[in-house]
Protein backbone atom coordinates (compact mmCIF):
# COMPACT_ATOMS: atom_id res chain seq x y z
CA MET A 1 60.58 -117.98 17.00
CA LYS A 2 59.87 -119.92 20.28
CA ASN A 3 63.62 -120.37 20.77
CA LEU A 4 64.04 -116.73 20.27
CA LEU A 5 61.54 -115.71 22.70
CA PHE A 6 62.67 -118.21 25.42
CA THR A 7 66.32 -116.70 24.87
CA LEU A 8 64.98 -113.19 25.25
CA LEU A 9 63.05 -114.07 28.59
CA ILE A 10 66.24 -115.65 30.07
CA PHE A 11 68.39 -112.62 29.15
CA ILE A 12 65.87 -110.29 30.77
CA THR A 13 65.71 -112.42 33.99
CA ILE A 14 69.49 -112.62 34.35
CA ASN A 15 69.64 -108.92 33.74
CA ALA A 16 67.26 -108.17 36.40
CA PHE A 17 68.95 -110.43 38.73
CA SER A 18 72.40 -108.87 38.15
CA GLN A 19 71.01 -105.50 38.83
CA ASN A 20 69.49 -106.40 42.14
CA LYS A 21 72.80 -108.39 43.01
CA SER A 22 74.81 -105.21 42.33
CA VAL A 23 72.35 -103.07 44.75
CA ASN A 24 72.74 -105.69 47.49
CA ASP A 25 76.49 -106.01 46.93
CA LYS A 26 77.06 -102.24 47.97
CA PRO A 27 77.89 -101.51 51.55
CA PHE A 28 74.97 -100.37 53.77
CA ILE A 29 74.05 -99.68 57.21
CA GLU A 30 70.85 -100.48 58.83
CA VAL A 31 69.71 -98.47 61.85
CA SER A 32 66.50 -97.96 64.04
CA GLY A 33 64.92 -94.67 64.84
CA GLN A 34 61.87 -93.81 67.38
CA ALA A 35 59.69 -90.83 67.98
CA ASP A 36 56.74 -90.42 70.36
CA THR A 37 54.48 -87.66 71.68
CA LEU A 38 51.71 -87.44 74.33
CA VAL A 39 48.14 -86.08 73.47
CA LEU A 40 45.04 -85.68 75.61
CA PRO A 41 42.04 -87.77 74.76
CA ASN A 42 39.47 -85.48 73.13
CA LYS A 43 36.69 -88.15 72.65
CA ILE A 44 35.70 -89.87 75.59
CA TRP A 45 32.88 -92.48 75.73
CA ILE A 46 30.98 -93.01 79.11
CA ASN A 47 28.77 -96.00 79.35
CA VAL A 48 25.80 -95.80 81.36
CA LEU A 49 23.45 -98.58 82.57
CA LEU A 50 19.84 -97.88 83.50
CA THR A 51 18.14 -100.72 85.40
CA GLU A 52 14.75 -100.97 87.07
CA LYS A 53 16.39 -103.06 89.82
CA ASP A 54 18.21 -100.31 91.26
CA SER A 55 15.20 -98.22 91.91
CA LYS A 56 13.46 -101.72 93.28
CA GLY A 57 10.93 -101.17 90.47
CA LYS A 58 9.80 -97.82 91.55
CA LYS A 59 10.92 -96.18 88.29
CA SER A 60 10.72 -97.60 84.83
CA VAL A 61 13.72 -97.69 82.44
CA GLU A 62 11.70 -95.20 80.43
CA ASP A 63 11.41 -92.77 83.57
CA LEU A 64 15.05 -93.07 84.24
CA GLU A 65 15.88 -92.27 80.69
CA LYS A 66 13.82 -89.11 80.63
CA GLU A 67 15.57 -87.93 83.78
CA MET A 68 19.16 -88.77 82.35
CA ILE A 69 18.48 -86.94 79.16
CA GLN A 70 17.18 -83.96 80.96
CA LYS A 71 20.15 -83.82 83.22
CA LEU A 72 22.62 -84.32 80.35
CA ARG A 73 21.03 -81.52 78.52
CA GLU A 74 21.28 -79.17 81.60
CA ILE A 75 25.03 -80.01 81.41
CA GLY A 76 25.27 -78.78 77.73
CA ILE A 77 25.54 -82.14 76.11
CA ASN A 78 23.87 -82.45 72.61
CA THR A 79 21.77 -85.65 73.36
CA ASP A 80 20.51 -86.22 69.80
CA LYS A 81 24.10 -86.33 68.63
CA ASN A 82 26.24 -87.64 71.52
CA VAL A 83 23.95 -90.15 73.19
CA SER A 84 23.04 -93.50 71.83
CA VAL A 85 21.61 -96.78 73.01
CA SER A 86 24.22 -99.49 73.27
CA ASP A 87 22.18 -102.40 74.58
CA MET A 88 18.79 -103.32 75.75
CA SER A 89 17.96 -106.50 77.91
CA SER A 90 15.68 -107.98 80.48
CA ASN A 91 16.91 -109.89 83.48
CA PHE A 92 15.32 -113.30 82.79
CA LYS A 93 17.22 -114.75 85.75
CA PHE A 94 14.97 -112.88 88.27
CA TYR A 95 11.89 -113.95 86.04
CA LEU A 96 12.67 -117.63 86.41
CA LEU A 97 12.96 -117.31 90.24
CA LYS A 98 9.86 -114.97 90.71
CA GLN A 99 7.32 -114.88 88.27
CA ASN A 100 6.57 -111.21 89.02
CA ASP A 101 10.20 -109.89 89.07
CA VAL A 102 11.34 -108.79 85.45
CA PHE A 103 13.97 -105.83 85.80
CA LYS A 104 14.44 -104.23 82.36
CA SER A 105 17.67 -102.57 81.71
CA LYS A 106 19.18 -100.36 79.03
CA SER A 107 22.82 -99.31 78.11
CA TYR A 108 23.78 -96.00 76.90
CA SER A 109 26.89 -94.44 75.41
CA ILE A 110 27.59 -90.97 75.89
CA LEU A 111 30.27 -88.85 74.07
CA VAL A 112 32.09 -86.10 75.58
CA GLY A 113 35.06 -83.94 74.69
CA ASP A 114 37.01 -83.39 77.71
CA ALA A 115 37.62 -84.48 81.28
CA LYS A 116 35.68 -81.48 82.77
CA THR A 117 32.38 -82.62 80.97
CA ALA A 118 33.15 -86.18 81.83
CA SER A 119 33.22 -85.15 85.49
CA ASN A 120 30.22 -83.22 85.26
CA VAL A 121 28.25 -86.15 83.83
CA PHE A 122 29.22 -88.59 86.60
CA ILE A 123 28.26 -85.70 89.19
CA GLY A 124 24.81 -84.92 87.55
CA LEU A 125 24.00 -88.60 87.06
CA GLU A 126 24.73 -89.43 90.72
CA LYS A 127 22.45 -86.45 91.69
CA ILE A 128 19.60 -87.98 89.97
CA GLY A 129 20.41 -91.47 91.45
CA ILE A 130 22.04 -93.08 88.32
CA SER A 131 25.51 -94.50 89.61
CA ASN A 132 26.14 -97.26 86.95
CA ALA A 133 28.65 -95.28 84.82
CA GLN A 134 32.06 -95.88 83.70
CA ILE A 135 34.57 -94.74 81.18
CA GLU A 136 34.37 -96.99 77.99
CA LYS A 137 37.07 -96.00 75.88
CA VAL A 138 39.08 -92.71 74.88
CA GLU A 139 40.60 -91.53 71.69
CA ASN A 140 42.09 -88.47 70.16
CA ASP A 141 40.51 -87.65 66.82
CA GLN A 142 43.91 -86.36 65.41
CA GLN A 143 45.84 -89.63 66.03
CA LYS A 144 46.45 -90.32 62.34
CA ASN A 145 47.70 -87.13 61.38
CA ILE A 146 49.97 -87.02 64.64
CA LYS A 147 51.50 -90.51 63.22
CA LEU A 148 52.31 -88.81 60.04
CA LEU A 149 54.30 -86.05 61.96
CA ILE A 150 56.15 -88.35 64.27
CA ASN A 151 56.88 -90.79 61.31
CA GLU A 152 58.95 -87.88 59.89
CA LYS A 153 60.86 -87.32 63.26
CA ALA A 154 61.71 -91.11 63.53
CA ILE A 155 63.26 -91.38 60.06
CA LEU A 156 65.31 -88.25 60.84
CA ARG A 157 66.32 -89.79 63.95
CA ALA A 158 67.38 -92.98 62.03
CA LYS A 159 69.53 -90.90 59.61
CA GLN A 160 71.13 -89.05 62.49
CA ILE A 161 72.17 -92.43 64.11
CA ALA A 162 73.59 -93.68 60.85
CA GLU A 163 75.72 -90.56 60.25
CA SER A 164 77.01 -90.81 63.69
CA PHE A 165 78.33 -94.21 62.74
CA SER A 166 79.57 -93.36 59.28
CA LYS A 167 81.24 -90.01 59.88
CA PRO A 168 84.15 -91.52 62.05
CA LEU A 169 84.79 -93.74 58.87
CA ASN A 170 84.92 -90.96 56.40
CA GLN A 171 81.91 -92.46 54.78
CA LYS A 172 78.60 -90.60 53.92
CA VAL A 173 75.05 -91.88 54.18
CA GLY A 174 73.48 -92.22 50.98
CA ASN A 175 69.73 -93.09 49.93
CA ALA A 176 67.45 -95.30 51.78
CA ILE A 177 67.00 -98.66 50.34
CA GLN A 178 64.57 -100.08 52.83
CA ILE A 179 62.30 -98.88 55.46
CA ASN A 180 59.98 -100.67 57.74
CA ASN A 181 57.49 -98.99 60.10
CA PHE A 182 56.13 -99.84 63.27
CA ASP A 183 53.21 -97.97 65.03
CA TYR A 184 52.44 -98.35 68.66
CA LEU A 185 49.68 -96.78 70.86
CA ASN A 186 49.84 -97.53 74.48
CA GLN A 187 46.24 -96.28 75.25
CA LEU A 188 43.93 -96.69 72.23
CA SER A 189 40.45 -97.39 71.34
CA GLY A 190 39.20 -100.25 73.37
CA ASN A 191 41.34 -99.57 76.21
CA VAL A 192 40.54 -97.09 79.24
CA ALA A 193 43.21 -94.60 79.89
CA GLU A 194 44.23 -94.07 83.37
CA ILE A 195 42.02 -91.92 85.40
CA ARG A 196 42.88 -89.95 88.34
CA ILE A 197 40.21 -88.30 90.75
CA ARG A 198 40.83 -85.52 93.22
CA GLY A 199 38.47 -84.28 95.63
CA THR A 200 35.45 -85.96 97.03
CA LYS A 201 32.17 -87.52 95.85
CA THR A 202 29.96 -85.51 98.24
CA LEU A 203 27.31 -83.90 96.09
CA SER A 204 25.43 -81.85 98.78
CA SER A 205 25.00 -78.17 98.07
CA GLU A 206 27.37 -77.33 100.92
CA GLU A 207 30.10 -79.34 99.59
CA GLN A 208 29.95 -78.74 95.86
CA THR A 209 33.04 -76.75 95.85
CA ASN A 210 34.75 -80.14 96.44
CA GLU A 211 33.45 -81.88 93.26
CA PRO A 212 35.78 -84.56 91.88
CA ASN A 213 38.46 -83.37 89.29
CA ILE A 214 38.83 -85.89 86.82
CA GLU A 215 42.15 -86.22 84.78
CA PHE A 216 42.78 -88.38 82.00
CA GLU A 217 46.34 -90.03 81.46
CA LYS A 218 47.55 -88.69 78.12
CA ILE A 219 47.55 -91.02 75.24
CA LYS A 220 51.08 -91.96 74.24
CA ILE A 221 51.60 -92.42 70.51
CA VAL A 222 54.91 -94.08 69.39
CA THR A 223 56.42 -94.69 66.06
CA SER A 224 59.70 -96.90 65.15
CA VAL A 225 61.31 -96.99 61.87
CA GLN A 226 64.06 -99.51 60.77
CA VAL A 227 66.10 -98.10 57.66
CA ARG A 228 68.79 -99.40 55.56
CA PHE A 229 70.93 -96.72 53.98
CA LEU A 230 73.84 -97.02 51.34
CA LEU A 231 77.10 -96.11 52.35
CA GLU A 232 79.22 -93.86 49.86
């Protein structure tokens, strides 16, 4: 019985190997296809640092926070949903040098949906004396769905390339027997997209018509596929 089972296993293994070998022996063509698209970021995180040192200790972090929250609400930002604390610390370096100088700081993350709102945040914060603000990261919330769409375009492009080679040889492109996919994102989470600022930073009432216009560089999503087609 053991000999019969052993013989059966050998037969199955050899049979499977023969099938794989027959597939690999067939003529094939291997090509690459690529597709890309540009999308505007619709999720922009702004990091704001409030520190008592900037006001020379005249305002506490709590007072600065109240002013910031009020200004953000005036702009139209849902502070309960889109404003969060990202870090809290005390500057102990100053404490070691001067026993009475301990400047607390607090870091916030503000989420906005477009460049215009981001511009309004920078302008509004500067009006109340808060200047420690910068773009932290940008995203588009449809990136995953967009990747699926351009994957289809990339593989169709690969098939077109394969057909351009096979047609002069009077051969046809058959089934795909191997597909490798590579995704790229030149400006993604964690990386700040390029920002272009036009206009002036003057915030006086006489010059508010020249408020800065912030434009975000579009996020480029790229997908590349490597496909092996059978030739018929």
